[in-house]
Amino acid sequence: MLRHVFNSGLSLSVLLGAWLMQACSAVDDTKPDNLLPEETMVSILTDIHLAEARVGQMGLRSVDSSNIVYNRLEKQIFKKYKLDTARYNASYRYYSTHPREMEAVYKEITGRLQKKLDVAKKPTKL
C-alpha cells in the first residue's frame, strides 16, 4: 500500500513539474499578421465595455436574454469596425499575453470612459 501511495505521489510530481515547465515557458512574441493596431483595439474594447454596461443596466431577468442582447450589440460593434471574430480573438489573445501593451490599452480605455462619464454628469444648460 505504501508503495502505491509513493508511485501516485511520484506521478503527481512528474505531472506537476511538466505543467510548471509549460506554464513558465516563454510567451510567443510574434505579432499575428492581422493584429489590430493598439488604437483600434482601444476603440473596440471601449465599445464592448459600453455594450456590457448597457446590457447590465437593462435589468434582464435571465442570463440567456442578456447574452442574446449582448451578442447582437457585439455583432454591431464588429460590423462597425469591419471585423471578424477570428481577427478580434487573435488580437485580444496577443494583447492579453503582453501585459505592458494591454495596460496601455486599458489606460486609454479608462480615460475615454471617464471622459464619457464626465460629459454625462455635466448639467445641461437651458
N, C-alpha and C. Protein backbone atom coordinates (compact mmCIF):
# COMPACT_ATOMS: atom_id res chain seq x y z
N MET A 1 0.82 -1.18 0.00
CA MET A 1 0.00 0.00 0.00
C MET A 1 0.88 1.26 0.00
N LEU A 2 1.90 1.29 0.81
CA LEU A 2 2.80 2.43 0.86
C LEU A 2 3.47 2.64 -0.50
N ARG A 3 3.77 1.56 -1.17
CA ARG A 3 4.38 1.64 -2.49
C ARG A 3 3.43 2.32 -3.49
N HIS A 4 2.13 1.99 -3.41
CA HIS A 4 1.13 2.59 -4.29
C HIS A 4 1.04 4.10 -4.05
N VAL A 5 1.05 4.52 -2.80
CA VAL A 5 0.99 5.94 -2.45
C VAL A 5 2.23 6.65 -2.99
N PHE A 6 3.40 6.04 -2.83
CA PHE A 6 4.63 6.63 -3.32
C PHE A 6 4.58 6.80 -4.84
N ASN A 7 4.13 5.76 -5.55
CA ASN A 7 4.04 5.83 -7.00
C ASN A 7 3.06 6.90 -7.46
N SER A 8 1.93 7.03 -6.76
CA SER A 8 0.95 8.06 -7.11
C SER A 8 1.55 9.44 -6.87
N GLY A 9 2.26 9.59 -5.76
CA GLY A 9 2.90 10.86 -5.45
C GLY A 9 3.96 11.21 -6.47
N LEU A 10 4.72 10.20 -6.89
CA LEU A 10 5.75 10.42 -7.90
C LEU A 10 5.11 10.83 -9.22
N SER A 11 4.04 10.16 -9.60
CA SER A 11 3.35 10.51 -10.84
C SER A 11 2.80 11.93 -10.77
N LEU A 12 2.24 12.28 -9.63
CA LEU A 12 1.72 13.62 -9.44
C LEU A 12 2.84 14.65 -9.54
N SER A 13 3.99 14.34 -8.96
CA SER A 13 5.13 15.25 -9.02
C SER A 13 5.60 15.45 -10.46
N VAL A 14 5.64 14.37 -11.22
CA VAL A 14 6.06 14.46 -12.61
C VAL A 14 5.07 15.32 -13.40
N LEU A 15 3.78 15.08 -13.20
CA LEU A 15 2.76 15.87 -13.90
C LEU A 15 2.83 17.34 -13.51
N LEU A 16 2.98 17.59 -12.22
CA LEU A 16 3.08 18.96 -11.74
C LEU A 16 4.32 19.65 -12.31
N GLY A 17 5.43 18.95 -12.33
CA GLY A 17 6.66 19.50 -12.90
C GLY A 17 6.51 19.82 -14.38
N ALA A 18 5.87 18.92 -15.12
CA ALA A 18 5.65 19.16 -16.55
C ALA A 18 4.75 20.37 -16.76
N TRP A 19 3.72 20.48 -15.93
CA TRP A 19 2.81 21.62 -16.05
C TRP A 19 3.54 22.93 -15.75
N LEU A 20 4.37 22.94 -14.71
CA LEU A 20 5.11 24.14 -14.35
C LEU A 20 6.07 24.56 -15.46
N MET A 21 6.72 23.57 -16.07
CA MET A 21 7.64 23.88 -17.18
C MET A 21 6.87 24.52 -18.33
N GLN A 22 5.70 23.98 -18.63
CA GLN A 22 4.87 24.53 -19.71
C GLN A 22 4.39 25.93 -19.37
N ALA A 23 3.96 26.12 -18.12
CA ALA A 23 3.43 27.42 -17.69
C ALA A 23 4.52 28.49 -17.70
N CYS A 24 5.73 28.11 -17.41
CA CYS A 24 6.83 29.07 -17.33
C CYS A 24 7.55 29.28 -18.65
N SER A 25 7.15 28.57 -19.68
CA SER A 25 7.83 28.72 -20.96
C SER A 25 7.57 30.11 -21.52
N ALA A 26 8.46 30.56 -22.36
CA ALA A 26 8.39 31.92 -22.90
C ALA A 26 7.13 32.11 -23.74
N VAL A 27 6.56 33.30 -23.64
CA VAL A 27 5.40 33.65 -24.44
C VAL A 27 5.88 33.92 -25.86
N ASP A 28 5.09 33.48 -26.82
CA ASP A 28 5.42 33.72 -28.22
C ASP A 28 5.26 35.22 -28.50
N ASP A 29 6.37 35.89 -28.81
CA ASP A 29 6.35 37.33 -29.00
C ASP A 29 6.02 37.75 -30.43
N THR A 30 5.78 36.80 -31.30
CA THR A 30 5.47 37.18 -32.67
C THR A 30 4.06 37.74 -32.75
N LYS A 31 3.96 38.87 -33.41
CA LYS A 31 2.65 39.50 -33.58
C LYS A 31 1.92 38.80 -34.71
N PRO A 32 0.62 38.58 -34.52
CA PRO A 32 -0.15 37.99 -35.63
C PRO A 32 -0.13 38.94 -36.83
N ASP A 33 -0.19 38.37 -38.01
CA ASP A 33 -0.18 39.18 -39.22
C ASP A 33 -1.34 40.17 -39.26
N ASN A 34 -2.47 39.74 -38.70
CA ASN A 34 -3.67 40.57 -38.76
C ASN A 34 -3.94 41.29 -37.44
N LEU A 35 -2.89 41.56 -36.66
CA LEU A 35 -3.05 42.21 -35.36
C LEU A 35 -3.69 43.59 -35.52
N LEU A 36 -4.72 43.83 -34.72
CA LEU A 36 -5.36 45.14 -34.72
C LEU A 36 -4.41 46.15 -34.09
N PRO A 37 -4.28 47.33 -34.68
CA PRO A 37 -3.45 48.37 -34.07
C PRO A 37 -3.99 48.72 -32.68
N GLU A 38 -3.11 49.17 -31.83
CA GLU A 38 -3.48 49.47 -30.44
C GLU A 38 -4.66 50.45 -30.37
N GLU A 39 -4.63 51.48 -31.18
CA GLU A 39 -5.71 52.49 -31.16
C GLU A 39 -7.05 51.88 -31.54
N THR A 40 -7.04 50.99 -32.53
CA THR A 40 -8.28 50.32 -32.94
C THR A 40 -8.77 49.39 -31.84
N MET A 41 -7.85 48.69 -31.21
CA MET A 41 -8.22 47.80 -30.10
C MET A 41 -8.84 48.60 -28.97
N VAL A 42 -8.30 49.76 -28.69
CA VAL A 42 -8.86 50.64 -27.65
C VAL A 42 -10.30 50.99 -28.00
N SER A 43 -10.54 51.39 -29.23
CA SER A 43 -11.89 51.78 -29.65
C SER A 43 -12.87 50.61 -29.55
N ILE A 44 -12.44 49.45 -30.00
CA ILE A 44 -13.30 48.27 -29.97
C ILE A 44 -13.62 47.89 -28.53
N LEU A 45 -12.61 47.80 -27.69
CA LEU A 45 -12.84 47.40 -26.29
C LEU A 45 -13.66 48.44 -25.53
N THR A 46 -13.49 49.71 -25.86
CA THR A 46 -14.32 50.74 -25.24
C THR A 46 -15.78 50.50 -25.59
N ASP A 47 -16.05 50.26 -26.87
CA ASP A 47 -17.43 49.97 -27.29
C ASP A 47 -17.97 48.70 -26.65
N ILE A 48 -17.12 47.69 -26.52
CA ILE A 48 -17.55 46.43 -25.90
C ILE A 48 -17.91 46.66 -24.43
N HIS A 49 -17.10 47.43 -23.72
CA HIS A 49 -17.41 47.70 -22.31
C HIS A 49 -18.69 48.52 -22.17
N LEU A 50 -18.91 49.45 -23.08
CA LEU A 50 -20.15 50.22 -23.05
C LEU A 50 -21.35 49.32 -23.33
N ALA A 51 -21.19 48.37 -24.26
CA ALA A 51 -22.27 47.42 -24.55
C ALA A 51 -22.56 46.55 -23.33
N GLU A 52 -21.51 46.08 -22.67
CA GLU A 52 -21.71 45.27 -21.46
C GLU A 52 -22.45 46.07 -20.39
N ALA A 53 -22.09 47.34 -20.23
CA ALA A 53 -22.77 48.18 -19.24
C ALA A 53 -24.23 48.40 -19.62
N ARG A 54 -24.48 48.61 -20.90
CA ARG A 54 -25.85 48.80 -21.36
C ARG A 54 -26.70 47.57 -21.06
N VAL A 55 -26.18 46.40 -21.35
CA VAL A 55 -26.92 45.17 -21.07
C VAL A 55 -27.13 45.01 -19.56
N GLY A 56 -26.11 45.33 -18.78
CA GLY A 56 -26.23 45.22 -17.33
C GLY A 56 -27.30 46.13 -16.75
N GLN A 57 -27.50 47.29 -17.37
CA GLN A 57 -28.50 48.23 -16.88
C GLN A 57 -29.90 47.94 -17.37
N MET A 58 -30.05 46.99 -18.27
CA MET A 58 -31.38 46.66 -18.79
C MET A 58 -32.23 45.91 -17.77
N GLY A 59 -31.58 45.32 -16.79
CA GLY A 59 -32.33 44.59 -15.77
C GLY A 59 -33.00 43.33 -16.29
N LEU A 60 -32.39 42.70 -17.26
CA LEU A 60 -32.97 41.47 -17.81
C LEU A 60 -32.91 40.37 -16.76
N ARG A 61 -33.96 39.58 -16.70
CA ARG A 61 -34.06 38.58 -15.63
C ARG A 61 -33.28 37.30 -15.90
N SER A 62 -33.01 37.01 -17.14
CA SER A 62 -32.30 35.75 -17.41
C SER A 62 -30.96 36.02 -18.08
N VAL A 63 -30.04 35.14 -17.81
CA VAL A 63 -28.71 35.22 -18.43
C VAL A 63 -28.84 35.03 -19.93
N ASP A 64 -29.75 34.14 -20.35
CA ASP A 64 -29.95 33.91 -21.78
C ASP A 64 -30.36 35.18 -22.50
N SER A 65 -31.29 35.92 -21.92
CA SER A 65 -31.74 37.18 -22.54
C SER A 65 -30.59 38.17 -22.62
N SER A 66 -29.82 38.26 -21.55
CA SER A 66 -28.67 39.17 -21.53
C SER A 66 -27.67 38.78 -22.61
N ASN A 67 -27.41 37.50 -22.75
CA ASN A 67 -26.46 37.02 -23.77
C ASN A 67 -26.95 37.33 -25.17
N ILE A 68 -28.25 37.16 -25.40
CA ILE A 68 -28.81 37.44 -26.73
C ILE A 68 -28.62 38.91 -27.08
N VAL A 69 -28.97 39.79 -26.14
CA VAL A 69 -28.83 41.23 -26.39
C VAL A 69 -27.36 41.60 -26.57
N TYR A 70 -26.48 41.08 -25.70
CA TYR A 70 -25.06 41.40 -25.81
C TYR A 70 -24.49 40.92 -27.14
N ASN A 71 -24.83 39.70 -27.55
CA ASN A 71 -24.32 39.17 -28.81
C ASN A 71 -24.75 40.03 -29.99
N ARG A 72 -25.97 40.56 -29.94
CA ARG A 72 -26.43 41.44 -31.00
C ARG A 72 -25.61 42.73 -31.02
N LEU A 73 -25.37 43.29 -29.85
CA LEU A 73 -24.55 44.51 -29.76
C LEU A 73 -23.12 44.25 -30.22
N GLU A 74 -22.58 43.09 -29.85
CA GLU A 74 -21.22 42.75 -30.26
C GLU A 74 -21.12 42.63 -31.78
N LYS A 75 -22.13 42.04 -32.41
CA LYS A 75 -22.14 41.94 -33.87
C LYS A 75 -22.14 43.32 -34.51
N GLN A 76 -22.89 44.25 -33.91
CA GLN A 76 -22.92 45.62 -34.43
C GLN A 76 -21.54 46.29 -34.30
N ILE A 77 -20.88 46.03 -33.19
CA ILE A 77 -19.53 46.58 -32.99
C ILE A 77 -18.57 46.02 -34.02
N PHE A 78 -18.61 44.71 -34.22
CA PHE A 78 -17.71 44.08 -35.20
C PHE A 78 -18.00 44.62 -36.61
N LYS A 79 -19.28 44.84 -36.91
CA LYS A 79 -19.64 45.38 -38.22
C LYS A 79 -19.12 46.81 -38.36
N LYS A 80 -19.24 47.59 -37.31
CA LYS A 80 -18.76 48.99 -37.31
C LYS A 80 -17.27 49.06 -37.66
N TYR A 81 -16.49 48.11 -37.14
CA TYR A 81 -15.04 48.11 -37.36
C TYR A 81 -14.61 47.17 -38.48
N LYS A 82 -15.60 46.64 -39.22
CA LYS A 82 -15.32 45.69 -40.31
C LYS A 82 -14.38 44.58 -39.81
N LEU A 83 -14.83 43.91 -38.77
CA LEU A 83 -14.00 42.98 -38.01
C LEU A 83 -14.66 41.61 -37.94
N ASP A 84 -13.87 40.55 -38.04
CA ASP A 84 -14.42 39.22 -37.80
C ASP A 84 -13.90 38.69 -36.46
N THR A 85 -14.58 37.68 -35.94
CA THR A 85 -14.22 37.18 -34.61
C THR A 85 -12.82 36.59 -34.57
N ALA A 86 -12.37 35.99 -35.66
CA ALA A 86 -11.03 35.39 -35.67
C ALA A 86 -9.95 36.46 -35.48
N ARG A 87 -10.09 37.57 -36.18
CA ARG A 87 -9.09 38.64 -36.05
C ARG A 87 -9.16 39.27 -34.66
N TYR A 88 -10.37 39.49 -34.16
CA TYR A 88 -10.52 40.05 -32.82
C TYR A 88 -9.90 39.12 -31.78
N ASN A 89 -10.23 37.84 -31.86
CA ASN A 89 -9.70 36.87 -30.89
C ASN A 89 -8.18 36.77 -30.94
N ALA A 90 -7.61 36.77 -32.14
CA ALA A 90 -6.15 36.70 -32.27
C ALA A 90 -5.51 37.95 -31.67
N SER A 91 -6.10 39.10 -31.92
CA SER A 91 -5.56 40.35 -31.37
C SER A 91 -5.71 40.39 -29.86
N TYR A 92 -6.88 39.99 -29.37
CA TYR A 92 -7.11 40.00 -27.93
C TYR A 92 -6.15 39.04 -27.23
N ARG A 93 -5.95 37.89 -27.83
CA ARG A 93 -5.02 36.90 -27.26
C ARG A 93 -3.60 37.47 -27.20
N TYR A 94 -3.19 38.16 -28.26
CA TYR A 94 -1.85 38.77 -28.28
C TYR A 94 -1.73 39.81 -27.17
N TYR A 95 -2.66 40.74 -27.13
CA TYR A 95 -2.58 41.81 -26.12
C TYR A 95 -2.67 41.25 -24.70
N SER A 96 -3.49 40.23 -24.50
CA SER A 96 -3.64 39.68 -23.15
C SER A 96 -2.41 38.90 -22.68
N THR A 97 -1.55 38.50 -23.60
CA THR A 97 -0.31 37.83 -23.20
C THR A 97 0.88 38.78 -23.18
N HIS A 98 0.61 40.05 -23.42
CA HIS A 98 1.64 41.09 -23.37
C HIS A 98 1.14 42.19 -22.42
N PRO A 99 1.38 42.01 -21.13
CA PRO A 99 0.79 42.89 -20.11
C PRO A 99 1.08 44.38 -20.29
N ARG A 100 2.26 44.74 -20.74
CA ARG A 100 2.56 46.17 -20.91
C ARG A 100 1.68 46.80 -21.97
N GLU A 101 1.52 46.08 -23.08
CA GLU A 101 0.67 46.61 -24.15
C GLU A 101 -0.79 46.65 -23.71
N MET A 102 -1.24 45.59 -23.01
CA MET A 102 -2.63 45.57 -22.55
C MET A 102 -2.87 46.66 -21.52
N GLU A 103 -1.88 46.93 -20.67
CA GLU A 103 -2.02 48.01 -19.69
C GLU A 103 -2.17 49.36 -20.40
N ALA A 104 -1.40 49.57 -21.45
CA ALA A 104 -1.51 50.82 -22.21
C ALA A 104 -2.89 50.93 -22.86
N VAL A 105 -3.38 49.82 -23.39
CA VAL A 105 -4.72 49.80 -23.99
C VAL A 105 -5.76 50.19 -22.95
N TYR A 106 -5.68 49.58 -21.77
CA TYR A 106 -6.70 49.83 -20.74
C TYR A 106 -6.55 51.21 -20.09
N LYS A 107 -5.37 51.77 -20.08
CA LYS A 107 -5.24 53.15 -19.60
C LYS A 107 -6.01 54.09 -20.52
N GLU A 108 -5.88 53.86 -21.81
CA GLU A 108 -6.61 54.69 -22.78
C GLU A 108 -8.12 54.45 -22.68
N ILE A 109 -8.51 53.19 -22.51
CA ILE A 109 -9.94 52.87 -22.38
C ILE A 109 -10.53 53.57 -21.16
N THR A 110 -9.86 53.47 -20.02
CA THR A 110 -10.40 54.10 -18.81
C THR A 110 -10.46 55.61 -18.96
N GLY A 111 -9.49 56.19 -19.65
CA GLY A 111 -9.54 57.63 -19.92
C GLY A 111 -10.74 58.01 -20.77
N ARG A 112 -10.99 57.24 -21.80
CA ARG A 112 -12.15 57.52 -22.67
C ARG A 112 -13.46 57.35 -21.91
N LEU A 113 -13.55 56.27 -21.15
CA LEU A 113 -14.79 56.04 -20.39
C LEU A 113 -15.00 57.13 -19.34
N GLN A 114 -13.93 57.58 -18.72
CA GLN A 114 -14.05 58.65 -17.73
C GLN A 114 -14.54 59.94 -18.38
N LYS A 115 -14.04 60.25 -19.58
CA LYS A 115 -14.49 61.44 -20.30
C LYS A 115 -15.98 61.35 -20.60
N LYS A 116 -16.43 60.17 -21.04
CA LYS A 116 -17.86 59.98 -21.32
C LYS A 116 -18.69 60.16 -20.05
N LEU A 117 -18.19 59.65 -18.95
CA LEU A 117 -18.88 59.79 -17.67
C LEU A 117 -18.94 61.25 -17.24
N ASP A 118 -17.84 61.96 -17.41
CA ASP A 118 -17.80 63.38 -17.04
C ASP A 118 -18.80 64.19 -17.87
N VAL A 119 -18.88 63.90 -19.16
CA VAL A 119 -19.82 64.59 -20.04
C VAL A 119 -21.26 64.28 -19.61
N ALA A 120 -21.52 63.03 -19.28
CA ALA A 120 -22.87 62.63 -18.88
C ALA A 120 -23.28 63.28 -17.56
N LYS A 121 -22.33 63.55 -16.69
CA LYS A 121 -22.63 64.14 -15.38
C LYS A 121 -22.78 65.66 -15.43
N LYS A 122 -22.29 66.28 -16.50
CA LYS A 122 -22.37 67.74 -16.60
C LYS A 122 -23.83 68.17 -16.70
N PRO A 123 -24.19 69.19 -15.95
CA PRO A 123 -25.57 69.68 -16.08
C PRO A 123 -25.76 70.34 -17.44
N THR A 124 -26.92 70.13 -18.00
CA THR A 124 -27.21 70.72 -19.30
C THR A 124 -27.69 72.15 -19.11
N LYS A 125 -27.29 73.01 -20.00
CA LYS A 125 -27.70 74.42 -19.95
C LYS A 125 -29.03 74.57 -20.68
N LEU A 126 -29.90 75.30 -20.08
CA LEU A 126 -31.21 75.54 -20.71
C LEU A 126 -31.24 76.85 -21.42
